[in-house]
């Protein structure tokens, strides 16, 4: 665990942080602008398709360069192959989202049924709202685990290494869940907090809080990328992959 921690921190540098911070800002701005493009005319529809392609290209360039940068390879794979496997990983991640959202849509029904069937003492300590909240956490956990399965595989195929090295490490899975839930919790906490100030103070507070939350999220994401790269590209000197 200590070796993995040190190996991950050794891979985090200013280039990685600024690349992820600025790159994801550009992606969010492009996505927000793309959603505002009307499609009432044919040229507008064509522009929407073109801008969507630019958005995808920027995303692929960002992560197709990031993965080979983090994992040292004897020979770098072709750029087009890195883009292809990053795109495949994202497509698989999106393919699971409708199933997760389908489960979320039935949270109230399941919580009501379990609450009605549970003993009185359990309803007193748990209750309907707690059952809904626990289902939310379970579905979040499923989403993060699915992402944790895809990330090492995408890094291996777009760069080099072996994804199974990450899968066999309990510390990797702990970090996936801690980073995922931690990023979500701190983002919502900072976003929901409203200071007692005037309009100018609240405006500054919104910018500062969202900027802080975004920066913390990027730091957690950089750590998870670096940890994945450490495991995927890790080769123990004695050849025993079950050590450390």
C-alpha atoms as a PDB file:
ATOM      1  CA  UNK A   1       0.000   0.000   0.000  1.00  0.00           C
ATOM      2  CA  UNK A   2       2.814   2.417   0.895  1.00  0.00           C
ATOM      3  CA  UNK A   3       4.633   1.587  -2.338  1.00  0.00           C
ATOM      4  CA  UNK A   4       1.447   2.158  -4.321  1.00  0.00           C
ATOM      5  CA  UNK A   5       0.857   5.468  -2.548  1.00  0.00           C
ATOM      6  CA  UNK A   6       4.387   6.636  -3.275  1.00  0.00           C
ATOM      7  CA  UNK A   7       4.262   5.360  -6.843  1.00  0.00           C
ATOM      8  CA  UNK A   8       1.028   7.248  -7.507  1.00  0.00           C
ATOM      9  CA  UNK A   9       2.285  10.491  -5.973  1.00  0.00           C
ATOM     10  CA  UNK A  10       5.499  10.228  -7.987  1.00  0.00           C
ATOM     11  CA  UNK A  11       3.459  10.291 -11.192  1.00  0.00           C
ATOM     12  CA  UNK A  12       1.451  13.383 -10.245  1.00  0.00           C
ATOM     13  CA  UNK A  13       3.118  16.504 -11.573  1.00  0.00           C
ATOM     14  CA  UNK A  14       2.150  19.975 -12.732  1.00  0.00           C
ATOM     15  CA  UNK A  15       1.746  18.817 -16.317  1.00  0.00           C
ATOM     16  CA  UNK A  16      -0.776  16.153 -15.342  1.00  0.00           C
ATOM     17  CA  UNK A  17      -2.709  18.450 -13.019  1.00  0.00           C
ATOM     18  CA  UNK A  18      -2.864  21.421 -15.392  1.00  0.00           C
ATOM     19  CA  UNK A  19      -3.661  19.169 -18.335  1.00  0.00           C
ATOM     20  CA  UNK A  20      -6.615  17.636 -16.519  1.00  0.00           C
ATOM     21  CA  UNK A  21      -7.737  20.929 -14.948  1.00  0.00           C
ATOM     22  CA  UNK A  22      -7.667  22.962 -18.162  1.00  0.00           C
ATOM     23  CA  UNK A  23      -8.660  20.092 -20.447  1.00  0.00           C
ATOM     24  CA  UNK A  24     -11.798  19.263 -18.501  1.00  0.00           C
ATOM     25  CA  UNK A  25     -12.712  22.964 -18.237  1.00  0.00           C
ATOM     26  CA  UNK A  26     -12.514  23.188 -22.039  1.00  0.00           C
ATOM     27  CA  UNK A  27     -14.623  20.033 -22.346  1.00  0.00           C
ATOM     28  CA  UNK A  28     -17.309  21.406 -20.024  1.00  0.00           C
ATOM     29  CA  UNK A  29     -17.406  24.749 -21.845  1.00  0.00           C
ATOM     30  CA  UNK A  30     -17.641  23.018 -25.226  1.00  0.00           C
ATOM     31  CA  UNK A  31     -20.393  20.728 -23.935  1.00  0.00           C
ATOM     32  CA  UNK A  32     -22.351  23.682 -22.530  1.00  0.00           C
ATOM     33  CA  UNK A  33     -21.983  25.569 -25.829  1.00  0.00           C
ATOM     34  CA  UNK A  34     -22.958  22.484 -27.835  1.00  0.00           C
ATOM     35  CA  UNK A  35     -26.194  22.119 -25.870  1.00  0.00           C
ATOM     36  CA  UNK A  36     -27.129  25.702 -26.804  1.00  0.00           C
ATOM     37  CA  UNK A  37     -26.784  25.159 -30.568  1.00  0.00           C
ATOM     38  CA  UNK A  38     -30.275  25.236 -32.172  1.00  0.00           C
ATOM     39  CA  UNK A  39     -31.233  22.702 -34.829  1.00  0.00           C
ATOM     40  CA  UNK A  40     -34.213  24.316 -36.513  1.00  0.00           C
ATOM     41  CA  UNK A  41     -32.294  24.770 -39.803  1.00  0.00           C
ATOM     42  CA  UNK A  42     -30.174  22.337 -41.752  1.00  0.00           C
ATOM     43  CA  UNK A  43     -27.000  24.418 -41.358  1.00  0.00           C
ATOM     44  CA  UNK A  44     -27.574  24.586 -37.620  1.00  0.00           C
ATOM     45  CA  UNK A  45     -27.976  20.818 -37.482  1.00  0.00           C
ATOM     46  CA  UNK A  46     -24.775  20.387 -39.492  1.00  0.00           C
ATOM     47  CA  UNK A  47     -22.964  22.790 -37.161  1.00  0.00           C
ATOM     48  CA  UNK A  48     -24.270  20.843 -34.187  1.00  0.00           C
ATOM     49  CA  UNK A  49     -22.857  17.610 -35.632  1.00  0.00           C
ATOM     50  CA  UNK A  50     -19.525  19.305 -36.384  1.00  0.00           C
ATOM     51  CA  UNK A  51     -19.229  20.864 -32.932  1.00  0.00           C
ATOM     52  CA  UNK A  52     -20.129  17.532 -31.350  1.00  0.00           C
ATOM     53  CA  UNK A  53     -17.333  15.878 -33.325  1.00  0.00           C
ATOM     54  CA  UNK A  54     -14.910  18.574 -32.112  1.00  0.00           C
ATOM     55  CA  UNK A  55     -16.012  17.900 -28.524  1.00  0.00           C
ATOM     56  CA  UNK A  56     -15.351  14.173 -28.910  1.00  0.00           C
ATOM     57  CA  UNK A  57     -11.992  14.854 -30.575  1.00  0.00           C
ATOM     58  CA  UNK A  58     -10.861  17.120 -27.719  1.00  0.00           C
ATOM     59  CA  UNK A  59     -11.875  14.483 -25.165  1.00  0.00           C
ATOM     60  CA  UNK A  60     -10.033  11.716 -27.010  1.00  0.00           C
ATOM     61  CA  UNK A  61      -6.908  13.830 -27.438  1.00  0.00           C
ATOM     62  CA  UNK A  62      -6.876  14.694 -23.741  1.00  0.00           C
ATOM     63  CA  UNK A  63      -6.992  11.099 -22.524  1.00  0.00           C
ATOM     64  CA  UNK A  64      -5.180   9.447 -25.422  1.00  0.00           C
ATOM     65  CA  UNK A  65      -2.184  11.597 -24.493  1.00  0.00           C
ATOM     66  CA  UNK A  66      -2.671  11.216 -20.722  1.00  0.00           C
ATOM     67  CA  UNK A  67      -2.552   7.417 -20.560  1.00  0.00           C
ATOM     68  CA  UNK A  68       0.754   6.957 -22.459  1.00  0.00           C
ATOM     69  CA  UNK A  69       2.183   9.867 -20.462  1.00  0.00           C
ATOM     70  CA  UNK A  70       1.478   8.080 -17.168  1.00  0.00           C
ATOM     71  CA  UNK A  71       2.574   4.584 -18.184  1.00  0.00           C
ATOM     72  CA  UNK A  72       6.155   4.164 -19.404  1.00  0.00           C
ATOM     73  CA  UNK A  73       6.161   1.974 -22.511  1.00  0.00           C
ATOM     74  CA  UNK A  74       9.041   0.542 -24.498  1.00  0.00           C
ATOM     75  CA  UNK A  75       7.174   1.504 -27.655  1.00  0.00           C
ATOM     76  CA  UNK A  76       4.261   3.911 -27.689  1.00  0.00           C
ATOM     77  CA  UNK A  77       1.137   2.627 -29.412  1.00  0.00           C
ATOM     78  CA  UNK A  78      -0.267   4.508 -32.428  1.00  0.00           C
ATOM     79  CA  UNK A  79      -2.276   7.549 -31.474  1.00  0.00           C
ATOM     80  CA  UNK A  80      -5.334   6.332 -33.370  1.00  0.00           C
ATOM     81  CA  UNK A  81      -5.323   3.092 -31.363  1.00  0.00           C
ATOM     82  CA  UNK A  82      -5.176   4.993 -28.084  1.00  0.00           C
ATOM     83  CA  UNK A  83      -8.138   7.119 -29.192  1.00  0.00           C
ATOM     84  CA  UNK A  84     -10.079   4.054 -30.261  1.00  0.00           C
ATOM     85  CA  UNK A  85      -9.720   2.266 -26.931  1.00  0.00           C
ATOM     86  CA  UNK A  86     -10.447   5.388 -24.889  1.00  0.00           C
ATOM     87  CA  UNK A  87     -13.623   5.819 -26.940  1.00  0.00           C
ATOM     88  CA  UNK A  88     -14.541   2.157 -26.399  1.00  0.00           C
ATOM     89  CA  UNK A  89     -14.096   2.495 -22.630  1.00  0.00           C
ATOM     90  CA  UNK A  90     -16.300   5.596 -22.513  1.00  0.00           C
ATOM     91  CA  UNK A  91     -18.928   3.852 -24.670  1.00  0.00           C
ATOM     92  CA  UNK A  92     -18.992   0.893 -22.275  1.00  0.00           C
ATOM     93  CA  UNK A  93     -19.310   3.253 -19.316  1.00  0.00           C
ATOM     94  CA  UNK A  94     -22.246   5.053 -20.925  1.00  0.00           C
ATOM     95  CA  UNK A  95     -23.876   1.743 -21.877  1.00  0.00           C
ATOM     96  CA  UNK A  96     -24.214   0.857 -18.191  1.00  0.00           C
ATOM     97  CA  UNK A  97     -25.768   4.183 -17.190  1.00  0.00           C
ATOM     98  CA  UNK A  98     -29.332   3.424 -18.432  1.00  0.00           C
ATOM     99  CA  UNK A  99     -29.340   0.236 -16.353  1.00  0.00           C
ATOM    100  CA  UNK A 100     -28.192   2.117 -13.254  1.00  0.00           C
ATOM    101  CA  UNK A 101     -30.735   4.874 -13.837  1.00  0.00           C
ATOM    102  CA  UNK A 102     -33.441   2.252 -14.307  1.00  0.00           C
ATOM    103  CA  UNK A 103     -32.654   0.973 -10.838  1.00  0.00           C
ATOM    104  CA  UNK A 104     -32.655   4.500  -9.422  1.00  0.00           C
ATOM    105  CA  UNK A 105     -36.109   5.129 -10.853  1.00  0.00           C
ATOM    106  CA  UNK A 106     -37.514   2.325  -8.674  1.00  0.00           C
ATOM    107  CA  UNK A 107     -35.872   3.430  -5.428  1.00  0.00           C
ATOM    108  CA  UNK A 108     -39.082   4.861  -3.985  1.00  0.00           C
ATOM    109  CA  UNK A 109     -41.098   1.750  -4.808  1.00  0.00           C
ATOM    110  CA  UNK A 110     -38.533  -0.618  -3.287  1.00  0.00           C
ATOM    111  CA  UNK A 111     -38.067   1.595  -0.231  1.00  0.00           C
ATOM    112  CA  UNK A 112     -41.826   1.736   0.346  1.00  0.00           C
ATOM    113  CA  UNK A 113     -42.184  -2.022   0.045  1.00  0.00           C
ATOM    114  CA  UNK A 114     -39.224  -2.832   2.318  1.00  0.00           C
ATOM    115  CA  UNK A 115     -40.378  -0.247   4.829  1.00  0.00           C
ATOM    116  CA  UNK A 116     -43.880  -1.727   4.946  1.00  0.00           C
ATOM    117  CA  UNK A 117     -42.555  -5.281   5.358  1.00  0.00           C
ATOM    118  CA  UNK A 118     -39.885  -4.557   7.955  1.00  0.00           C
ATOM    119  CA  UNK A 119     -40.480  -4.880  11.731  1.00  0.00           C
ATOM    120  CA  UNK A 120     -41.577  -1.824  13.659  1.00  0.00           C
ATOM    121  CA  UNK A 121     -38.254  -1.443  15.485  1.00  0.00           C
ATOM    122  CA  UNK A 122     -36.388  -1.499  12.155  1.00  0.00           C
ATOM    123  CA  UNK A 123     -38.738   1.079  10.610  1.00  0.00           C
ATOM    124  CA  UNK A 124     -38.053   3.327  13.584  1.00  0.00           C
ATOM    125  CA  UNK A 125     -34.267   3.144  13.131  1.00  0.00           C
ATOM    126  CA  UNK A 126     -34.164   2.988   9.331  1.00  0.00           C
ATOM    127  CA  UNK A 127     -37.306   4.317   7.685  1.00  0.00           C
ATOM    128  CA  UNK A 128     -38.288   5.152   4.130  1.00  0.00           C
ATOM    129  CA  UNK A 129     -35.841   8.037   3.588  1.00  0.00           C
ATOM    130  CA  UNK A 130     -32.886   6.012   4.850  1.00  0.00           C
ATOM    131  CA  UNK A 131     -33.784   3.134   2.525  1.00  0.00           C
ATOM    132  CA  UNK A 132     -33.850   5.509  -0.450  1.00  0.00           C
ATOM    133  CA  UNK A 133     -30.506   6.999   0.610  1.00  0.00           C
ATOM    134  CA  UNK A 134     -28.894   3.573   0.945  1.00  0.00           C
ATOM    135  CA  UNK A 135     -30.103   2.597  -2.505  1.00  0.00           C
ATOM    136  CA  UNK A 136     -28.544   5.798  -3.847  1.00  0.00           C
ATOM    137  CA  UNK A 137     -25.221   4.823  -2.277  1.00  0.00           C
ATOM    138  CA  UNK A 138     -25.452   1.297  -3.683  1.00  0.00           C
ATOM    139  CA  UNK A 139     -26.074   2.544  -7.217  1.00  0.00           C
ATOM    140  CA  UNK A 140     -23.268   5.078  -6.851  1.00  0.00           C
ATOM    141  CA  UNK A 141     -21.017   2.253  -5.698  1.00  0.00           C
ATOM    142  CA  UNK A 142     -21.965   0.153  -8.726  1.00  0.00           C
ATOM    143  CA  UNK A 143     -21.177   3.084 -11.014  1.00  0.00           C
ATOM    144  CA  UNK A 144     -17.760   3.668  -9.445  1.00  0.00           C
ATOM    145  CA  UNK A 145     -16.882  -0.031  -9.518  1.00  0.00           C
ATOM    146  CA  UNK A 146     -17.822  -0.205 -13.195  1.00  0.00           C
ATOM    147  CA  UNK A 147     -15.597   2.812 -13.865  1.00  0.00           C
ATOM    148  CA  UNK A 148     -12.857   1.166 -11.807  1.00  0.00           C
ATOM    149  CA  UNK A 149     -13.070  -1.911 -14.027  1.00  0.00           C
ATOM    150  CA  UNK A 150     -12.810   0.095 -17.233  1.00  0.00           C
ATOM    151  CA  UNK A 151     -10.036   2.518 -16.267  1.00  0.00           C
ATOM    152  CA  UNK A 152      -7.113   0.018 -16.008  1.00  0.00           C
ATOM    153  CA  UNK A 153      -8.306  -1.759 -19.140  1.00  0.00           C
ATOM    154  CA  UNK A 154      -8.447   1.512 -21.090  1.00  0.00           C
ATOM    155  CA  UNK A 155      -4.996   2.467 -19.821  1.00  0.00           C
ATOM    156  CA  UNK A 156      -3.537  -0.899 -20.778  1.00  0.00           C
ATOM    157  CA  UNK A 157      -5.004  -0.903 -24.287  1.00  0.00           C
ATOM    158  CA  UNK A 158      -4.272   2.754 -25.030  1.00  0.00           C
ATOM    159  CA  UNK A 159      -0.730   2.586 -23.596  1.00  0.00           C
ATOM    160  CA  UNK A 160       0.698  -0.693 -22.277  1.00  0.00           C
ATOM    161  CA  UNK A 161       0.865  -2.799 -19.124  1.00  0.00           C
ATOM    162  CA  UNK A 162      -1.535  -5.259 -17.555  1.00  0.00           C
ATOM    163  CA  UNK A 163      -4.929  -4.261 -16.179  1.00  0.00           C
ATOM    164  CA  UNK A 164      -5.226  -7.326 -13.940  1.00  0.00           C
ATOM    165  CA  UNK A 165      -2.477  -5.970 -11.707  1.00  0.00           C
ATOM    166  CA  UNK A 166      -4.865  -3.224 -10.609  1.00  0.00           C
ATOM    167  CA  UNK A 167      -7.843  -5.545 -10.266  1.00  0.00           C
ATOM    168  CA  UNK A 168      -6.016  -7.748  -7.756  1.00  0.00           C
ATOM    169  CA  UNK A 169      -5.089  -4.885  -5.409  1.00  0.00           C
ATOM    170  CA  UNK A 170      -7.537  -4.120  -2.620  1.00  0.00           C
ATOM    171  CA  UNK A 171      -5.985  -0.686  -2.183  1.00  0.00           C
ATOM    172  CA  UNK A 172      -6.990   0.202  -5.743  1.00  0.00           C
ATOM    173  CA  UNK A 173     -10.645  -0.594  -5.100  1.00  0.00           C
ATOM    174  CA  UNK A 174     -10.632   1.300  -1.803  1.00  0.00           C
ATOM    175  CA  UNK A 175      -9.228   4.352  -3.590  1.00  0.00           C
ATOM    176  CA  UNK A 176     -11.802   4.068  -6.385  1.00  0.00           C
ATOM    177  CA  UNK A 177     -14.649   4.209  -3.868  1.00  0.00           C
ATOM    178  CA  UNK A 178     -13.041   6.808  -1.596  1.00  0.00           C
ATOM    179  CA  UNK A 179     -12.217   9.132  -4.492  1.00  0.00           C
ATOM    180  CA  UNK A 180     -15.633   8.645  -6.053  1.00  0.00           C
ATOM    181  CA  UNK A 181     -17.698   9.176  -2.936  1.00  0.00           C
ATOM    182  CA  UNK A 182     -15.309  11.807  -1.602  1.00  0.00           C
ATOM    183  CA  UNK A 183     -15.494  13.890  -4.763  1.00  0.00           C
ATOM    184  CA  UNK A 184     -19.281  13.703  -4.824  1.00  0.00           C
ATOM    185  CA  UNK A 185     -19.664  14.502  -1.110  1.00  0.00           C
ATOM    186  CA  UNK A 186     -17.328  17.490  -1.036  1.00  0.00           C
ATOM    187  CA  UNK A 187     -18.779  18.912  -4.278  1.00  0.00           C
ATOM    188  CA  UNK A 188     -22.342  18.803  -2.949  1.00  0.00           C
ATOM    189  CA  UNK A 189     -21.256  20.133   0.443  1.00  0.00           C
ATOM    190  CA  UNK A 190     -19.508  23.158  -1.060  1.00  0.00           C
ATOM    191  CA  UNK A 191     -22.255  23.751  -3.618  1.00  0.00           C
ATOM    192  CA  UNK A 192     -25.058  23.650  -1.027  1.00  0.00           C
ATOM    193  CA  UNK A 193     -23.340  25.914   1.485  1.00  0.00           C
ATOM    194  CA  UNK A 194     -24.605  29.489   1.250  1.00  0.00           C
ATOM    195  CA  UNK A 195     -22.825  32.207   3.242  1.00  0.00           C
ATOM    196  CA  UNK A 196     -24.688  35.058   4.900  1.00  0.00           C
ATOM    197  CA  UNK A 197     -23.529  37.846   2.591  1.00  0.00           C
ATOM    198  CA  UNK A 198     -24.781  40.334   0.031  1.00  0.00           C
ATOM    199  CA  UNK A 199     -25.138  39.776  -3.701  1.00  0.00           C
ATOM    200  CA  UNK A 200     -21.482  40.502  -4.442  1.00  0.00           C
ATOM    201  CA  UNK A 201     -20.336  38.309  -1.564  1.00  0.00           C
ATOM    202  CA  UNK A 202     -22.554  35.427  -2.622  1.00  0.00           C
ATOM    203  CA  UNK A 203     -21.419  35.730  -6.246  1.00  0.00           C
ATOM    204  CA  UNK A 204     -17.784  35.572  -5.185  1.00  0.00           C
ATOM    205  CA  UNK A 205     -18.630  32.696  -2.855  1.00  0.00           C
ATOM    206  CA  UNK A 206     -20.243  30.678  -5.657  1.00  0.00           C
ATOM    207  CA  UNK A 207     -17.219  31.113  -7.918  1.00  0.00           C
ATOM    208  CA  UNK A 208     -14.770  30.321  -5.101  1.00  0.00           C
ATOM    209  CA  UNK A 209     -16.702  27.304  -3.820  1.00  0.00           C
ATOM    210  CA  UNK A 210     -17.251  25.754  -7.245  1.00  0.00           C
ATOM    211  CA  UNK A 211     -13.636  26.428  -8.203  1.00  0.00           C
ATOM    212  CA  UNK A 212     -12.426  24.804  -4.999  1.00  0.00           C
ATOM    213  CA  UNK A 213     -14.712  21.804  -5.447  1.00  0.00           C
ATOM    214  CA  UNK A 214     -13.613  21.386  -9.059  1.00  0.00           C
ATOM    215  CA  UNK A 215      -9.926  21.611  -8.130  1.00  0.00           C
ATOM    216  CA  UNK A 216     -10.325  18.998  -5.387  1.00  0.00           C
ATOM    217  CA  UNK A 217     -12.177  16.730  -7.822  1.00  0.00           C
ATOM    218  CA  UNK A 218      -9.362  17.065 -10.348  1.00  0.00           C
ATOM    219  CA  UNK A 219      -6.761  16.280  -7.678  1.00  0.00           C
ATOM    220  CA  UNK A 220      -8.647  13.126  -6.711  1.00  0.00           C
ATOM    221  CA  UNK A 221      -8.991  12.185 -10.384  1.00  0.00           C
ATOM    222  CA  UNK A 222      -5.270  12.742 -10.983  1.00  0.00           C
ATOM    223  CA  UNK A 223      -4.440  10.546  -7.998  1.00  0.00           C
ATOM    224  CA  UNK A 224      -6.705   7.776  -9.286  1.00  0.00           C
ATOM    225  CA  UNK A 225      -5.162   8.003 -12.762  1.00  0.00           C
ATOM    226  CA  UNK A 226      -1.666   7.904 -11.278  1.00  0.00           C
ATOM    227  CA  UNK A 227      -2.506   4.972  -8.999  1.00  0.00           C
ATOM    228  CA  UNK A 228      -3.968   3.049 -11.924  1.00  0.00           C
ATOM    229  CA  UNK A 229      -0.848   3.762 -13.976  1.00  0.00           C
ATOM    230  CA  UNK A 230       1.333   2.565 -11.089  1.00  0.00           C
ATOM    231  CA  UNK A 231      -0.482  -0.764 -10.912  1.00  0.00           C
ATOM    232  CA  UNK A 232      -0.941  -1.269 -14.652  1.00  0.00           C
ATOM    233  CA  UNK A 233       2.715  -0.607 -15.385  1.00  0.00           C
ATOM    234  CA  UNK A 234       4.089  -2.045 -12.156  1.00  0.00           C
ATOM    235  CA  UNK A 235       6.582  -4.903 -12.370  1.00  0.00           C
ATOM    236  CA  UNK A 236       8.112  -6.067  -9.058  1.00  0.00           C
ATOM    237  CA  UNK A 237      11.897  -6.491  -9.279  1.00  0.00           C
ATOM    238  CA  UNK A 238      11.757 -10.115  -8.104  1.00  0.00           C
ATOM    239  CA  UNK A 239       9.017 -10.985 -10.620  1.00  0.00           C
ATOM    240  CA  UNK A 240       6.403 -11.821  -7.974  1.00  0.00           C
ATOM    241  CA  UNK A 241       3.312  -9.784  -8.812  1.00  0.00           C
ATOM    242  CA  UNK A 242       1.535 -10.812  -5.627  1.00  0.00           C
ATOM    243  CA  UNK A 243       3.928  -8.854  -3.438  1.00  0.00           C
ATOM    244  CA  UNK A 244       3.346  -5.268  -2.312  1.00  0.00           C
END
